[in-house]
Amino acid sequence: MFAETKAFSGFAVDDVGSAREFYGETLGIRTSEENGLLTLHLAGERDTLVYPKPGHKPADYTILNFPVADIESSVDVLAARGVSFERYDGFDQDGKGIFRGGGPLIAWFTDPAGNVLSILQVS
């Protein structure tokens, strides 16, 4: 039944306007808005719906991962755009917030609603 449908992901925020500014301007993702809902037009035709939710509670897990070729320069670019990187107890993170404790190099940050996002280095 669903083998041929174009499924999509979605997540909640407390303010669609703030989300549009962050995802569109800060991160540079193409967005569109219709009926109070925001769509992120991600690479690979992976549209993601962003919807307002009264009483929103941020996800305490990573909702979107953005692969990058060079995590060092990506962190620098995002930091220059005002993005702050998260630090987690027990994780081997450097001064920029990049986790270097095994597996892919990864750095976490949040959107204005507090949802966790990451960039991770891919070869």
PDB file of N, CA and C in Angstrom:
ATOM      1  N   MET A   1       0.811  -1.198   0.000  1.00  0.00           N
ATOM      2  CA  MET A   1       0.000   0.000   0.000  1.00  0.00           C
ATOM      3  C   MET A   1       0.859   1.268   0.000  1.00  0.00           C
ATOM      4  N   PHE A   2       1.942   1.299   0.814  1.00  0.00           N
ATOM      5  CA  PHE A   2       2.750   2.507   0.903  1.00  0.00           C
ATOM      6  C   PHE A   2       4.034   2.425   0.092  1.00  0.00           C
ATOM      7  N   ALA A   3       4.265   1.359  -0.604  1.00  0.00           N
ATOM      8  CA  ALA A   3       5.506   1.178  -1.355  1.00  0.00           C
ATOM      9  C   ALA A   3       5.706   2.243  -2.425  1.00  0.00           C
ATOM     10  N   GLU A   4       4.642   2.793  -2.960  1.00  0.00           N
ATOM     11  CA  GLU A   4       4.747   3.768  -4.037  1.00  0.00           C
ATOM     12  C   GLU A   4       4.420   5.199  -3.608  1.00  0.00           C
ATOM     13  N   THR A   5       4.142   5.426  -2.322  1.00  0.00           N
ATOM     14  CA  THR A   5       3.824   6.783  -1.875  1.00  0.00           C
ATOM     15  C   THR A   5       5.097   7.547  -1.564  1.00  0.00           C
ATOM     16  N   LYS A   6       5.015   8.837  -1.653  1.00  0.00           N
ATOM     17  CA  LYS A   6       6.156   9.685  -1.317  1.00  0.00           C
ATOM     18  C   LYS A   6       5.976  10.166   0.125  1.00  0.00           C
ATOM     19  N   ALA A   7       6.433   9.366   1.060  1.00  0.00           N
ATOM     20  CA  ALA A   7       6.315   9.697   2.476  1.00  0.00           C
ATOM     21  C   ALA A   7       7.229  10.872   2.809  1.00  0.00           C
ATOM     22  N   PHE A   8       6.911  11.581   3.875  1.00  0.00           N
ATOM     23  CA  PHE A   8       7.742  12.692   4.313  1.00  0.00           C
ATOM     24  C   PHE A   8       7.738  12.750   5.826  1.00  0.00           C
ATOM     25  N   SER A   9       8.745  13.385   6.366  1.00  0.00           N
ATOM     26  CA  SER A   9       8.879  13.541   7.807  1.00  0.00           C
ATOM     27  C   SER A   9       8.327  14.891   8.240  1.00  0.00           C
ATOM     28  N   GLY A  10       8.117  15.031   9.525  1.00  0.00           N
ATOM     29  CA  GLY A  10       7.678  16.292  10.076  1.00  0.00           C
ATOM     30  C   GLY A  10       8.071  16.399  11.537  1.00  0.00           C
ATOM     31  N   PHE A  11       8.112  17.625  12.019  1.00  0.00           N
ATOM     32  CA  PHE A  11       8.373  17.854  13.436  1.00  0.00           C
ATOM     33  C   PHE A  11       7.725  19.175  13.847  1.00  0.00           C
ATOM     34  N   ALA A  12       7.547  19.337  15.147  1.00  0.00           N
ATOM     35  CA  ALA A  12       6.847  20.498  15.691  1.00  0.00           C
ATOM     36  C   ALA A  12       7.812  21.579  16.158  1.00  0.00           C
ATOM     37  N   VAL A  13       7.305  22.806  16.129  1.00  0.00           N
ATOM     38  CA  VAL A  13       8.000  23.970  16.679  1.00  0.00           C
ATOM     39  C   VAL A  13       6.969  24.821  17.415  1.00  0.00           C
ATOM     40  N   ASP A  14       7.463  25.768  18.187  1.00  0.00           N
ATOM     41  CA  ASP A  14       6.531  26.656  18.888  1.00  0.00           C
ATOM     42  C   ASP A  14       6.217  27.914  18.095  1.00  0.00           C
ATOM     43  N   ASP A  15       7.035  28.214  17.054  1.00  0.00           N
ATOM     44  CA  ASP A  15       6.851  29.438  16.291  1.00  0.00           C
ATOM     45  C   ASP A  15       7.330  29.199  14.851  1.00  0.00           C
ATOM     46  N   VAL A  16       6.397  29.120  13.925  1.00  0.00           N
ATOM     47  CA  VAL A  16       6.734  28.839  12.525  1.00  0.00           C
ATOM     48  C   VAL A  16       7.563  29.976  11.924  1.00  0.00           C
ATOM     49  N   GLY A  17       7.294  31.216  12.287  1.00  0.00           N
ATOM     50  CA  GLY A  17       8.060  32.346  11.764  1.00  0.00           C
ATOM     51  C   GLY A  17       9.529  32.273  12.145  1.00  0.00           C
ATOM     52  N   SER A  18       9.797  31.961  13.402  1.00  0.00           N
ATOM     53  CA  SER A  18      11.188  31.804  13.850  1.00  0.00           C
ATOM     54  C   SER A  18      11.849  30.633  13.150  1.00  0.00           C
ATOM     55  N   ALA A  19      11.097  29.561  12.956  1.00  0.00           N
ATOM     56  CA  ALA A  19      11.634  28.392  12.252  1.00  0.00           C
ATOM     57  C   ALA A  19      11.970  28.747  10.804  1.00  0.00           C
ATOM     58  N   ARG A  20      11.080  29.481  10.141  1.00  0.00           N
ATOM     59  CA  ARG A  20      11.322  29.885   8.751  1.00  0.00           C
ATOM     60  C   ARG A  20      12.603  30.711   8.645  1.00  0.00           C
ATOM     61  N   GLU A  21      12.777  31.655   9.551  1.00  0.00           N
ATOM     62  CA  GLU A  21      13.977  32.493   9.533  1.00  0.00           C
ATOM     63  C   GLU A  21      15.236  31.652   9.768  1.00  0.00           C
ATOM     64  N   PHE A  22      15.194  30.773  10.747  1.00  0.00           N
ATOM     65  CA  PHE A  22      16.361  29.954  11.080  1.00  0.00           C
ATOM     66  C   PHE A  22      16.712  28.986   9.949  1.00  0.00           C
ATOM     67  N   TYR A  23      15.735  28.208   9.519  1.00  0.00           N
ATOM     68  CA  TYR A  23      16.022  27.208   8.488  1.00  0.00           C
ATOM     69  C   TYR A  23      16.303  27.859   7.132  1.00  0.00           C
ATOM     70  N   GLY A  24      15.573  28.918   6.812  1.00  0.00           N
ATOM     71  CA  GLY A  24      15.739  29.564   5.521  1.00  0.00           C
ATOM     72  C   GLY A  24      16.941  30.477   5.445  1.00  0.00           C
ATOM     73  N   GLU A  25      17.099  31.348   6.444  1.00  0.00           N
ATOM     74  CA  GLU A  25      18.167  32.349   6.381  1.00  0.00           C
ATOM     75  C   GLU A  25      19.461  31.865   7.028  1.00  0.00           C
ATOM     76  N   THR A  26      19.381  31.346   8.237  1.00  0.00           N
ATOM     77  CA  THR A  26      20.595  30.917   8.932  1.00  0.00           C
ATOM     78  C   THR A  26      21.205  29.678   8.285  1.00  0.00           C
ATOM     79  N   LEU A  27      20.373  28.669   8.010  1.00  0.00           N
ATOM     80  CA  LEU A  27      20.894  27.433   7.428  1.00  0.00           C
ATOM     81  C   LEU A  27      20.885  27.431   5.901  1.00  0.00           C
ATOM     82  N   GLY A  28      20.132  28.332   5.286  1.00  0.00           N
ATOM     83  CA  GLY A  28      20.124  28.426   3.832  1.00  0.00           C
ATOM     84  C   GLY A  28      19.318  27.361   3.116  1.00  0.00           C
ATOM     85  N   ILE A  29      18.332  26.813   3.789  1.00  0.00           N
ATOM     86  CA  ILE A  29      17.470  25.792   3.189  1.00  0.00           C
ATOM     87  C   ILE A  29      16.291  26.478   2.501  1.00  0.00           C
ATOM     88  N   ARG A  30      15.948  26.025   1.318  1.00  0.00           N
ATOM     89  CA  ARG A  30      14.769  26.572   0.632  1.00  0.00           C
ATOM     90  C   ARG A  30      13.529  26.156   1.416  1.00  0.00           C
ATOM     91  N   THR A  31      12.656  27.113   1.674  1.00  0.00           N
ATOM     92  CA  THR A  31      11.435  26.854   2.434  1.00  0.00           C
ATOM     93  C   THR A  31      10.230  27.387   1.671  1.00  0.00           C
ATOM     94  N   SER A  32       9.064  26.883   2.044  1.00  0.00           N
ATOM     95  CA  SER A  32       7.807  27.457   1.574  1.00  0.00           C
ATOM     96  C   SER A  32       6.815  27.340   2.724  1.00  0.00           C
ATOM     97  N   GLU A  33       5.811  28.201   2.678  1.00  0.00           N
ATOM     98  CA  GLU A  33       4.817  28.207   3.750  1.00  0.00           C
ATOM     99  C   GLU A  33       3.431  28.237   3.143  1.00  0.00           C
ATOM    100  N   GLU A  34       2.569  27.384   3.671  1.00  0.00           N
ATOM    101  CA  GLU A  34       1.194  27.327   3.203  1.00  0.00           C
ATOM    102  C   GLU A  34       0.306  26.871   4.354  1.00  0.00           C
ATOM    103  N   ASN A  35      -0.791  27.584   4.538  1.00  0.00           N
ATOM    104  CA  ASN A  35      -1.764  27.254   5.588  1.00  0.00           C
ATOM    105  C   ASN A  35      -1.134  27.192   6.971  1.00  0.00           C
ATOM    106  N   GLY A  36      -0.151  28.057   7.238  1.00  0.00           N
ATOM    107  CA  GLY A  36       0.487  28.096   8.548  1.00  0.00           C
ATOM    108  C   GLY A  36       1.493  26.992   8.786  1.00  0.00           C
ATOM    109  N   LEU A  37       1.797  26.216   7.755  1.00  0.00           N
ATOM    110  CA  LEU A  37       2.762  25.122   7.865  1.00  0.00           C
ATOM    111  C   LEU A  37       3.981  25.469   7.027  1.00  0.00           C
ATOM    112  N   LEU A  38       5.144  25.130   7.524  1.00  0.00           N
ATOM    113  CA  LEU A  38       6.403  25.385   6.834  1.00  0.00           C
ATOM    114  C   LEU A  38       6.903  24.085   6.223  1.00  0.00           C
ATOM    115  N   THR A  39       7.394  24.155   4.996  1.00  0.00           N
ATOM    116  CA  THR A  39       8.022  22.998   4.372  1.00  0.00           C
ATOM    117  C   THR A  39       9.479  23.318   4.121  1.00  0.00           C
ATOM    118  N   LEU A  40      10.354  22.419   4.573  1.00  0.00           N
ATOM    119  CA  LEU A  40      11.769  22.508   4.270  1.00  0.00           C
ATOM    120  C   LEU A  40      12.006  21.663   3.035  1.00  0.00           C
ATOM    121  N   HIS A  41      12.553  22.256   1.995  1.00  0.00           N
ATOM    122  CA  HIS A  41      12.833  21.533   0.755  1.00  0.00           C
ATOM    123  C   HIS A  41      14.298  21.102   0.800  1.00  0.00           C
ATOM    124  N   LEU A  42      14.521  19.930   1.370  1.00  0.00           N
ATOM    125  CA  LEU A  42      15.872  19.426   1.571  1.00  0.00           C
ATOM    126  C   LEU A  42      16.388  18.741   0.309  1.00  0.00           C
ATOM    127  N   ALA A  43      17.703  18.681   0.191  1.00  0.00           N
ATOM    128  CA  ALA A  43      18.331  18.018  -0.952  1.00  0.00           C
ATOM    129  C   ALA A  43      17.836  16.577  -1.055  1.00  0.00           C
ATOM    130  N   GLY A  44      17.798  16.061  -2.273  1.00  0.00           N
ATOM    131  CA  GLY A  44      17.342  14.691  -2.478  1.00  0.00           C
ATOM    132  C   GLY A  44      15.836  14.560  -2.460  1.00  0.00           C
ATOM    133  N   GLU A  45      15.152  15.680  -2.680  1.00  0.00           N
ATOM    134  CA  GLU A  45      13.689  15.695  -2.686  1.00  0.00           C
ATOM    135  C   GLU A  45      13.109  15.126  -1.394  1.00  0.00           C
ATOM    136  N   ARG A  46      13.676  15.543  -0.282  1.00  0.00           N
ATOM    137  CA  ARG A  46      13.229  15.084   1.033  1.00  0.00           C
ATOM    138  C   ARG A  46      12.528  16.219   1.765  1.00  0.00           C
ATOM    139  N   ASP A  47      11.368  16.612   1.275  1.00  0.00           N
ATOM    140  CA  ASP A  47      10.609  17.664   1.940  1.00  0.00           C
ATOM    141  C   ASP A  47      10.261  17.238   3.358  1.00  0.00           C
ATOM    142  N   THR A  48      10.347  18.186   4.270  1.00  0.00           N
ATOM    143  CA  THR A  48      10.043  17.935   5.671  1.00  0.00           C
ATOM    144  C   THR A  48       9.072  19.002   6.146  1.00  0.00           C
ATOM    145  N   LEU A  49       7.994  18.577   6.772  1.00  0.00           N
ATOM    146  CA  LEU A  49       6.953  19.474   7.259  1.00  0.00           C
ATOM    147  C   LEU A  49       7.299  19.963   8.659  1.00  0.00           C
ATOM    148  N   VAL A  50       7.170  21.260   8.877  1.00  0.00           N
ATOM    149  CA  VAL A  50       7.385  21.872  10.188  1.00  0.00           C
ATOM    150  C   VAL A  50       6.064  22.520  10.577  1.00  0.00           C
ATOM    151  N   TYR A  51       5.505  22.106  11.688  1.00  0.00           N
ATOM    152  CA  TYR A  51       4.166  22.551  12.069  1.00  0.00           C
ATOM    153  C   TYR A  51       4.158  23.129  13.479  1.00  0.00           C
ATOM    154  N   PRO A  52       3.276  24.099  13.721  1.00  0.00           N
ATOM    155  CA  PRO A  52       3.183  24.674  15.062  1.00  0.00           C
ATOM    156  C   PRO A  52       2.441  23.725  15.995  1.00  0.00           C
ATOM    157  N   LYS A  53       2.887  23.714  17.237  1.00  0.00           N
ATOM    158  CA  LYS A  53       2.214  22.879  18.230  1.00  0.00           C
ATOM    159  C   LYS A  53       2.140  23.660  19.542  1.00  0.00           C
ATOM    160  N   PRO A  54       0.930  23.952  19.973  1.00  0.00           N
ATOM    161  CA  PRO A  54       0.791  24.626  21.267  1.00  0.00           C
ATOM    162  C   PRO A  54       1.408  23.758  22.369  1.00  0.00           C
ATOM    163  N   GLY A  55       2.122  24.380  23.287  1.00  0.00           N
ATOM    164  CA  GLY A  55       2.751  23.630  24.372  1.00  0.00           C
ATOM    165  C   GLY A  55       3.921  22.785  23.895  1.00  0.00           C
ATOM    166  N   HIS A  56       4.511  23.156  22.757  1.00  0.00           N
ATOM    167  CA  HIS A  56       5.621  22.396  22.178  1.00  0.00           C
ATOM    168  C   HIS A  56       6.707  22.099  23.202  1.00  0.00           C
ATOM    169  N   LYS A  57       7.180  20.865  23.192  1.00  0.00           N
ATOM    170  CA  LYS A  57       8.334  20.452  23.978  1.00  0.00           C
ATOM    171  C   LYS A  57       9.377  19.961  22.980  1.00  0.00           C
ATOM    172  N   PRO A  58      10.583  20.515  23.017  1.00  0.00           N
ATOM    173  CA  PRO A  58      11.598  20.136  22.036  1.00  0.00           C
ATOM    174  C   PRO A  58      11.938  18.648  22.108  1.00  0.00           C
ATOM    175  N   ALA A  59      12.267  18.104  20.959  1.00  0.00           N
ATOM    176  CA  ALA A  59      12.743  16.719  20.908  1.00  0.00           C
ATOM    177  C   ALA A  59      14.077  16.642  21.648  1.00  0.00           C
ATOM    178  N   ASP A  60      14.273  15.597  22.444  1.00  0.00           N
ATOM    179  CA  ASP A  60      15.541  15.444  23.162  1.00  0.00           C
ATOM    180  C   ASP A  60      16.461  14.459  22.429  1.00  0.00           C
ATOM    181  N   TYR A  61      16.242  14.327  21.156  1.00  0.00           N
ATOM    182  CA  TYR A  61      17.062  13.492  20.280  1.00  0.00           C
ATOM    183  C   TYR A  61      17.248  14.262  18.977  1.00  0.00           C
ATOM    184  N   THR A  62      18.155  13.824  18.141  1.00  0.00           N
ATOM    185  CA  THR A  62      18.450  14.533  16.898  1.00  0.00           C
ATOM    186  C   THR A  62      17.355  14.275  15.878  1.00  0.00           C
ATOM    187  N   ILE A  63      16.713  15.360  15.409  1.00  0.00           N
ATOM    188  CA  ILE A  63      15.612  15.214  14.453  1.00  0.00           C
ATOM    189  C   ILE A  63      16.063  15.330  13.006  1.00  0.00           C
ATOM    190  N   LEU A  64      17.170  16.050  12.767  1.00  0.00           N
ATOM    191  CA  LEU A  64      17.720  16.180  11.412  1.00  0.00           C
ATOM    192  C   LEU A  64      19.234  16.114  11.492  1.00  0.00           C
ATOM    193  N   ASN A  65      19.836  15.355  10.578  1.00  0.00           N
ATOM    194  CA  ASN A  65      21.288  15.259  10.457  1.00  0.00           C
ATOM    195  C   ASN A  65      21.684  15.776   9.081  1.00  0.00           C
ATOM    196  N   PHE A  66      22.651  16.683   9.058  1.00  0.00           N
ATOM    197  CA  PHE A  66      23.119  17.247   7.805  1.00  0.00           C
ATOM    198  C   PHE A  66      24.543  16.763   7.537  1.00  0.00           C
ATOM    199  N   PRO A  67      24.738  15.882   6.558  1.00  0.00           N
ATOM    200  CA  PRO A  67      26.094  15.438   6.222  1.00  0.00           C
ATOM    201  C   PRO A  67      26.878  16.590   5.588  1.00  0.00           C
ATOM    202  N   VAL A  68      28.139  16.722   5.977  1.00  0.00           N
ATOM    203  CA  VAL A  68      29.026  17.738   5.418  1.00  0.00           C
ATOM    204  C   VAL A  68      30.373  17.097   5.091  1.00  0.00           C
ATOM    205  N   ALA A  69      31.081  17.684   4.132  1.00  0.00           N
ATOM    206  CA  ALA A  69      32.390  17.157   3.745  1.00  0.00           C
ATOM    207  C   ALA A  69      33.483  17.586   4.718  1.00  0.00           C
ATOM    208  N   ASP A  70      33.344  18.766   5.315  1.00  0.00           N
ATOM    209  CA  ASP A  70      34.373  19.315   6.201  1.00  0.00           C
ATOM    210  C   ASP A  70      33.682  19.909   7.423  1.00  0.00           C
ATOM    211  N   ILE A  71      33.673  19.158   8.512  1.00  0.00           N
ATOM    212  CA  ILE A  71      32.943  19.604   9.704  1.00  0.00           C
ATOM    213  C   ILE A  71      33.574  20.849  10.331  1.00  0.00           C
ATOM    214  N   GLU A  72      34.902  20.942  10.280  1.00  0.00           N
ATOM    215  CA  GLU A  72      35.580  22.108  10.858  1.00  0.00           C
ATOM    216  C   GLU A  72      35.082  23.413  10.225  1.00  0.00           C
ATOM    217  N   SER A  73      35.109  23.465   8.898  1.00  0.00           N
ATOM    218  CA  SER A  73      34.678  24.698   8.232  1.00  0.00           C
ATOM    219  C   SER A  73      33.175  24.895   8.364  1.00  0.00           C
ATOM    220  N   SER A  74      32.397  23.829   8.392  1.00  0.00           N
ATOM    221  CA  SER A  74      30.942  23.947   8.551  1.00  0.00           C
ATOM    222  C   SER A  74      30.589  24.521   9.920  1.00  0.00           C
ATOM    223  N   VAL A  75      31.284  24.061  10.959  1.00  0.00           N
ATOM    224  CA  VAL A  75      31.071  24.621  12.299  1.00  0.00           C
ATOM    225  C   VAL A  75      31.428  26.105  12.300  1.00  0.00           C
ATOM    226  N   ASP A  76      32.535  26.455  11.670  1.00  0.00           N
ATOM    227  CA  ASP A  76      32.950  27.858  11.628  1.00  0.00           C
ATOM    228  C   ASP A  76      31.914  28.731  10.923  1.00  0.00           C
ATOM    229  N   VAL A  77      31.405  28.259   9.785  1.00  0.00           N
ATOM    230  CA  VAL A  77      30.403  29.024   9.030  1.00  0.00           C
ATOM    231  C   VAL A  77      29.136  29.202   9.860  1.00  0.00           C
ATOM    232  N   LEU A  78      28.654  28.114  10.456  1.00  0.00           N
ATOM    233  CA  LEU A  78      27.429  28.211  11.264  1.00  0.00           C
ATOM    234  C   LEU A  78      27.631  29.084  12.492  1.00  0.00           C
ATOM    235  N   ALA A  79      28.771  28.970  13.139  1.00  0.00           N
ATOM    236  CA  ALA A  79      29.060  29.809  14.307  1.00  0.00           C
ATOM    237  C   ALA A  79      29.064  31.288  13.910  1.00  0.00           C
ATOM    238  N   ALA A  80      29.608  31.597  12.742  1.00  0.00           N
ATOM    239  CA  ALA A  80      29.614  32.984  12.257  1.00  0.00           C
ATOM    240  C   ALA A  80      28.200  33.484  11.983  1.00  0.00           C
ATOM    241  N   ARG A  81      27.276  32.563  11.731  1.00  0.00           N
ATOM    242  CA  ARG A  81      25.870  32.929  11.502  1.00  0.00           C
ATOM    243  C   ARG A  81      25.062  32.945  12.797  1.00  0.00           C
ATOM    244  N   GLY A  82      25.739  32.757  13.917  1.00  0.00           N
ATOM    245  CA  GLY A  82      25.075  32.844  15.218  1.00  0.00           C
ATOM    246  C   GLY A  82      24.630  31.528  15.817  1.00  0.00           C
ATOM    247  N   VAL A  83      24.986  30.416  15.201  1.00  0.00           N
ATOM    248  CA  VAL A  83      24.606  29.099  15.733  1.00  0.00           C
ATOM    249  C   VAL A  83      25.552  28.730  16.872  1.00  0.00           C
ATOM    250  N   SER A  84      24.989  28.275  17.991  1.00  0.00           N
ATOM    251  CA  SER A  84      25.773  27.794  19.135  1.00  0.00           C
ATOM    252  C   SER A  84      25.724  26.274  19.149  1.00  0.00           C
ATOM    253  N   PHE A  85      26.856  25.675  19.420  1.00  0.00           N
ATOM    254  CA  PHE A  85      26.922  24.222  19.436  1.00  0.00           C
ATOM    255  C   PHE A  85      26.778  23.691  20.854  1.00  0.00           C
ATOM    256  N   GLU A  86      26.064  22.585  20.967  1.00  0.00           N
ATOM    257  CA  GLU A  86      25.746  21.978  22.247  1.00  0.00           C
ATOM    258  C   GLU A  86      26.948  21.205  22.791  1.00  0.00           C
ATOM    259  N   ARG A  87      27.031  21.142  24.099  1.00  0.00           N
ATOM    260  CA  ARG A  87      28.036  20.334  24.785  1.00  0.00           C
ATOM    261  C   ARG A  87      27.277  19.340  25.656  1.00  0.00           C
ATOM    262  N   TYR A  88      27.664  18.091  25.606  1.00  0.00           N
ATOM    263  CA  TYR A  88      26.980  17.051  26.373  1.00  0.00           C
ATOM    264  C   TYR A  88      27.966  16.375  27.323  1.00  0.00           C
ATOM    265  N   ASP A  89      27.552  16.220  28.578  1.00  0.00           N
ATOM    266  CA  ASP A  89      28.385  15.539  29.570  1.00  0.00           C
ATOM    267  C   ASP A  89      28.704  14.126  29.094  1.00  0.00           C
ATOM    268  N   GLY A  90      29.949  13.735  29.284  1.00  0.00           N
ATOM    269  CA  GLY A  90      30.362  12.375  28.948  1.00  0.00           C
ATOM    270  C   GLY A  90      30.737  12.183  27.486  1.00  0.00           C
ATOM    271  N   PHE A  91      30.658  13.248  26.674  1.00  0.00           N
ATOM    272  CA  PHE A  91      31.021  13.152  25.256  1.00  0.00           C
ATOM    273  C   PHE A  91      32.371  13.839  25.042  1.00  0.00           C
ATOM    274  N   ASP A  92      33.224  13.229  24.271  1.00  0.00           N
ATOM    275  CA  ASP A  92      34.553  13.751  23.974  1.00  0.00           C
ATOM    276  C   ASP A  92      34.442  14.799  22.868  1.00  0.00           C
ATOM    277  N   GLN A  93      34.101  16.044  23.270  1.00  0.00           N
ATOM    278  CA  GLN A  93      33.928  17.134  22.314  1.00  0.00           C
ATOM    279  C   GLN A  93      35.065  18.133  22.467  1.00  0.00           C
ATOM    280  N   ASP A  94      35.514  18.675  21.330  1.00  0.00           N
ATOM    281  CA  ASP A  94      36.585  19.664  21.371  1.00  0.00           C
ATOM    282  C   ASP A  94      36.021  21.048  21.679  1.00  0.00           C
ATOM    283  N   GLY A  95      36.871  22.063  21.587  1.00  0.00           N
ATOM    284  CA  GLY A  95      36.471  23.426  21.907  1.00  0.00           C
ATOM    285  C   GLY A  95      35.372  23.986  21.022  1.00  0.00           C
ATOM    286  N   LYS A  96      35.212  23.425  19.820  1.00  0.00           N
ATOM    287  CA  LYS A  96      34.162  23.867  18.909  1.00  0.00           C
ATOM    288  C   LYS A  96      32.866  23.083  19.104  1.00  0.00           C
ATOM    289  N   GLY A  97      32.910  22.048  19.941  1.00  0.00           N
ATOM    290  CA  GLY A  97      31.728  21.219  20.156  1.00  0.00           C
ATOM    291  C   GLY A  97      31.677  19.998  19.262  1.00  0.00           C
ATOM    292  N   ILE A  98      32.755  19.700  18.554  1.00  0.00           N
ATOM    293  CA  ILE A  98      32.791  18.537  17.660  1.00  0.00           C
ATOM    294  C   ILE A  98      33.127  17.290  18.464  1.00  0.00           C
ATOM    295  N   PHE A  99      32.283  16.277  18.355  1.00  0.00           N
ATOM    296  CA  PHE A  99      32.496  14.999  19.030  1.00  0.00           C
ATOM    297  C   PHE A  99      33.546  14.213  18.259  1.00  0.00           C
ATOM    298  N   ARG A 100      34.588  13.789  18.971  1.00  0.00           N
ATOM    299  CA  ARG A 100      35.696  13.061  18.359  1.00  0.00           C
ATOM    300  C   ARG A 100      35.954  11.754  19.088  1.00  0.00           C
ATOM    301  N   GLY A 101      34.934  11.175  19.678  1.00  0.00           N
ATOM    302  CA  GLY A 101      35.103   9.996  20.516  1.00  0.00           C
ATOM    303  C   GLY A 101      34.844   8.679  19.822  1.00  0.00           C
ATOM    304  N   GLY A 102      34.870   8.635  18.522  1.00  0.00           N
ATOM    305  CA  GLY A 102      34.611   7.397  17.785  1.00  0.00           C
ATOM    306  C   GLY A 102      33.403   7.580  16.893  1.00  0.00           C
ATOM    307  N   GLY A 103      33.405   6.908  15.762  1.00  0.00           N
ATOM    308  CA  GLY A 103      32.334   7.081  14.786  1.00  0.00           C
ATOM    309  C   GLY A 103      32.566   8.349  14.001  1.00  0.00           C
ATOM    310  N   PRO A 104      31.553   8.834  13.289  1.00  0.00           N
ATOM    311  CA  PRO A 104      31.756  10.048  12.485  1.00  0.00           C
ATOM    312  C   PRO A 104      31.949  11.269  13.379  1.00  0.00           C
ATOM    313  N   LEU A 105      32.703  12.231  12.883  1.00  0.00           N
ATOM    314  CA  LEU A 105      32.808  13.513  13.581  1.00  0.00           C
ATOM    315  C   LEU A 105      31.440  14.176  13.480  1.00  0.00           C
ATOM    316  N   ILE A 106      30.942  14.663  14.618  1.00  0.00           N
ATOM    317  CA  ILE A 106      29.586  15.204  14.653  1.00  0.00           C
ATOM    318  C   ILE A 106      29.521  16.373  15.632  1.00  0.00           C
ATOM    319  N   ALA A 107      28.672  17.347  15.326  1.00  0.00           N
ATOM    320  CA  ALA A 107      28.434  18.481  16.219  1.00  0.00           C
ATOM    321  C   ALA A 107      26.936  18.754  16.239  1.00  0.00           C
ATOM    322  N   TRP A 108      26.417  19.018  17.427  1.00  0.00           N
ATOM    323  CA  TRP A 108      24.981  19.222  17.604  1.00  0.00           C
ATOM    324  C   TRP A 108      24.668  20.682  17.895  1.00  0.00           C
ATOM    325  N   PHE A 109      23.502  21.115  17.433  1.00  0.00           N
ATOM    326  CA  PHE A 109      22.999  22.454  17.710  1.00  0.00           C
ATOM    327  C   PHE A 109      21.480  22.373  17.747  1.00  0.00           C
ATOM    328  N   THR A 110      20.821  23.449  18.138  1.00  0.00           N
ATOM    329  CA  THR A 110      19.360  23.424  18.231  1.00  0.00           C
ATOM    330  C   THR A 110      18.752  24.514  17.362  1.00  0.00           C
ATOM    331  N   ASP A 111      17.506  24.276  16.959  1.00  0.00           N
ATOM    332  CA  ASP A 111      16.742  25.311  16.265  1.00  0.00           C
ATOM    333  C   ASP A 111      16.121  26.227  17.320  1.00  0.00           C
ATOM    334  N   PRO A 112      15.450  27.308  16.928  1.00  0.00           N
ATOM    335  CA  PRO A 112      14.878  28.222  17.925  1.00  0.00           C
ATOM    336  C   PRO A 112      13.857  27.566  18.861  1.00  0.00           C
ATOM    337  N   ALA A 113      13.264  26.455  18.440  1.00  0.00           N
ATOM    338  CA  ALA A 113      12.293  25.753  19.286  1.00  0.00           C
ATOM    339  C   ALA A 113      12.963  24.768  20.227  1.00  0.00           C
ATOM    340  N   GLY A 114      14.298  24.628  20.128  1.00  0.00           N
ATOM    341  CA  GLY A 114      15.030  23.718  21.005  1.00  0.00           C
ATOM    342  C   GLY A 114      15.204  22.315  20.462  1.00  0.00           C
ATOM    343  N   ASN A 115      14.726  22.042  19.247  1.00  0.00           N
ATOM    344  CA  ASN A 115      14.907  20.724  18.636  1.00  0.00           C
ATOM    345  C   ASN A 115      16.380  20.532  18.261  1.00  0.00           C
ATOM    346  N   VAL A 116      16.894  19.325  18.470  1.00  0.00           N
ATOM    347  CA  VAL A 116      18.312  19.027  18.239  1.00  0.00           C
ATOM    348  C   VAL A 116      18.557  18.654  16.783  1.00  0.00           C
ATOM    349  N   LEU A 117      19.587  19.279  16.201  1.00  0.00           N
ATOM    350  CA  LEU A 117      20.036  19.026  14.831  1.00  0.00           C
ATOM    351  C   LEU A 117      21.528  18.691  14.899  1.00  0.00           C
ATOM    352  N   SER A 118      22.061  18.117  13.822  1.00  0.00           N
ATOM    353  CA  SER A 118      23.501  17.874  13.798  1.00  0.00           C
ATOM    354  C   SER A 118      24.067  18.071  12.410  1.00  0.00           C
ATOM    355  N   ILE A 119      25.371  18.311  12.397  1.00  0.00           N
ATOM    356  CA  ILE A 119      26.146  18.170  11.177  1.00  0.00           C
ATOM    357  C   ILE A 119      27.135  17.042  11.462  1.00  0.00           C
ATOM    358  N   LEU A 120      27.357  16.204  10.465  1.00  0.00           N
ATOM    359  CA  LEU A 120      28.314  15.125  10.630  1.00  0.00           C
ATOM    360  C   LEU A 120      29.138  14.977   9.376  1.00  0.00           C
ATOM    361  N   GLN A 121      30.409  14.705   9.596  1.00  0.00           N
ATOM    362  CA  GLN A 121      31.337  14.627   8.476  1.00  0.00           C
ATOM    363  C   GLN A 121      31.224  13.274   7.793  1.00  0.00           C
ATOM    364  N   VAL A 122      31.095  13.321   6.472  1.00  0.00           N
ATOM    365  CA  VAL A 122      31.084  12.104   5.662  1.00  0.00           C
ATOM    366  C   VAL A 122      32.240  12.179   4.681  1.00  0.00           C
ATOM    367  N   SER A 123      32.782  11.028   4.344  1.00  0.00           N
ATOM    368  CA  SER A 123      33.927  10.993   3.420  1.00  0.00           C
ATOM    369  C   SER A 123      33.453  11.000   1.998  1.00  0.00           C
TER     370      SER A 123
END
